[in-house]
Protein backbone atom coordinates (compact mmCIF):
# COMPACT_ATOMS: atom_id res chain seq x y z
CA MET A 1 8.99 79.92 87.35
CA VAL A 2 10.79 80.62 84.07
CA LYS A 3 11.92 77.69 81.90
CA ALA A 4 14.16 77.39 78.85
CA ILE A 5 13.03 74.44 76.70
CA TRP A 6 14.44 72.96 73.52
CA ASN A 7 13.36 69.72 71.82
CA GLY A 8 10.97 69.05 74.71
CA VAL A 9 13.73 69.14 77.37
CA VAL A 10 14.06 71.74 80.15
CA ILE A 11 17.55 73.24 79.82
CA ALA A 12 17.15 75.75 82.67
CA GLU A 13 14.52 76.58 85.27
CA SER A 14 14.46 79.38 87.83
CA ASN A 15 12.28 81.94 89.56
CA GLN A 16 15.31 84.22 89.97
CA THR A 17 16.28 85.10 86.40
CA GLN A 18 17.73 88.52 85.60
CA MET A 19 15.89 90.33 82.80
CA VAL A 20 18.23 92.33 80.56
CA GLU A 21 17.25 93.78 77.18
CA GLY A 22 14.25 91.45 76.95
CA ASN A 23 16.22 88.28 77.71
CA HIS A 24 15.98 86.10 80.80
CA TYR A 25 19.44 85.30 82.19
CA PHE A 26 19.32 82.12 84.26
CA PRO A 27 21.53 81.84 87.36
CA PRO A 28 24.40 79.32 87.11
CA ASN A 29 22.81 76.86 89.58
CA SER A 30 19.59 76.65 87.54
CA ILE A 31 21.21 75.31 84.35
CA ASN A 32 21.13 71.63 83.35
CA ARG A 33 24.71 71.70 82.09
CA GLU A 34 24.52 68.22 80.60
CA TYR A 35 22.78 69.89 77.63
CA LEU A 36 25.42 72.60 77.09
CA GLN A 37 28.69 72.22 75.20
CA PRO A 38 31.23 75.04 74.87
CA ASN A 39 31.29 76.92 71.57
CA SER A 40 34.33 78.98 70.56
CA SER A 41 32.23 81.96 69.38
CA THR A 42 32.31 85.30 71.16
CA THR A 43 30.62 88.64 70.60
CA VAL A 44 31.11 92.03 72.20
CA CYS A 45 28.44 94.22 73.79
CA PRO A 46 29.55 97.81 74.47
CA TRP A 47 28.14 97.86 78.00
CA LYS A 48 28.05 94.17 79.03
CA GLY A 49 31.42 93.03 77.67
CA VAL A 50 32.47 89.86 75.84
CA ALA A 51 29.84 87.12 75.55
CA SER A 52 30.80 83.45 75.27
CA TYR A 53 28.52 80.81 73.77
CA TYR A 54 27.33 77.25 74.28
CA ASP A 55 25.76 74.85 71.83
CA VAL A 56 22.56 73.30 73.19
CA VAL A 57 22.61 69.54 72.57
CA VAL A 58 19.53 67.38 73.20
CA ASN A 59 19.03 63.80 72.04
CA GLY A 60 21.92 64.08 69.58
CA GLU A 61 20.61 67.29 67.98
CA ARG A 62 22.83 70.39 68.20
CA ASN A 63 21.61 73.98 68.29
CA LYS A 64 24.84 75.92 67.65
CA GLY A 65 25.42 78.99 69.79
CA ALA A 66 21.91 78.90 71.24
CA ALA A 67 23.05 79.93 74.73
CA TRP A 68 25.33 82.75 75.83
CA TYR A 69 26.83 84.15 79.00
CA TYR A 70 29.27 86.78 80.24
CA PRO A 71 32.16 85.21 82.20
CA GLN A 72 33.82 88.61 82.85
CA PRO A 73 31.11 91.27 82.40
CA LYS A 74 31.77 94.97 82.64
CA SER A 75 30.80 96.64 85.91
CA ALA A 76 27.35 97.68 84.64
CA ALA A 77 26.46 94.02 83.99
CA GLN A 78 27.85 92.30 87.10
CA ALA A 79 24.35 91.05 88.01
CA ILE A 80 24.47 88.61 85.07
CA LYS A 81 27.98 87.24 85.58
CA ASP A 82 27.93 83.56 84.51
CA HIS A 83 24.14 83.67 84.02
CA VAL A 84 22.98 81.98 80.81
CA ALA A 85 20.48 83.32 78.25
CA PHE A 86 18.98 81.51 75.26
CA TRP A 87 17.81 82.16 71.69
CA ARG A 88 17.76 80.39 68.29
CA GLY A 89 14.62 78.42 68.92
CA VAL A 90 15.06 77.72 72.62
CA LYS A 91 11.67 78.58 74.08
CA VAL A 92 11.76 80.68 77.25
CA GLU A 93 8.43 80.66 79.06
CA SER A 94 7.03 81.56 82.44
């Protein structure tokens, strides 16, 4: 089981993550969405497409842009459509 944890709270938990470029992408149904708030940032990956971001918010503390996902990935990255990955201090452990 892989977990994404920030400020002592489990943000996501799954045994079916997709590993891409060293990051675990959690399936949509494994995310505790109460801790995610949309962020207007986007970035572009040449082979995955345009990434959108969430802020992770736990107990009133905000970790800006600490989660990302690909709502409309390119064909090579369809396996991670709407899956969420984490960084910026969010601990991902198995």
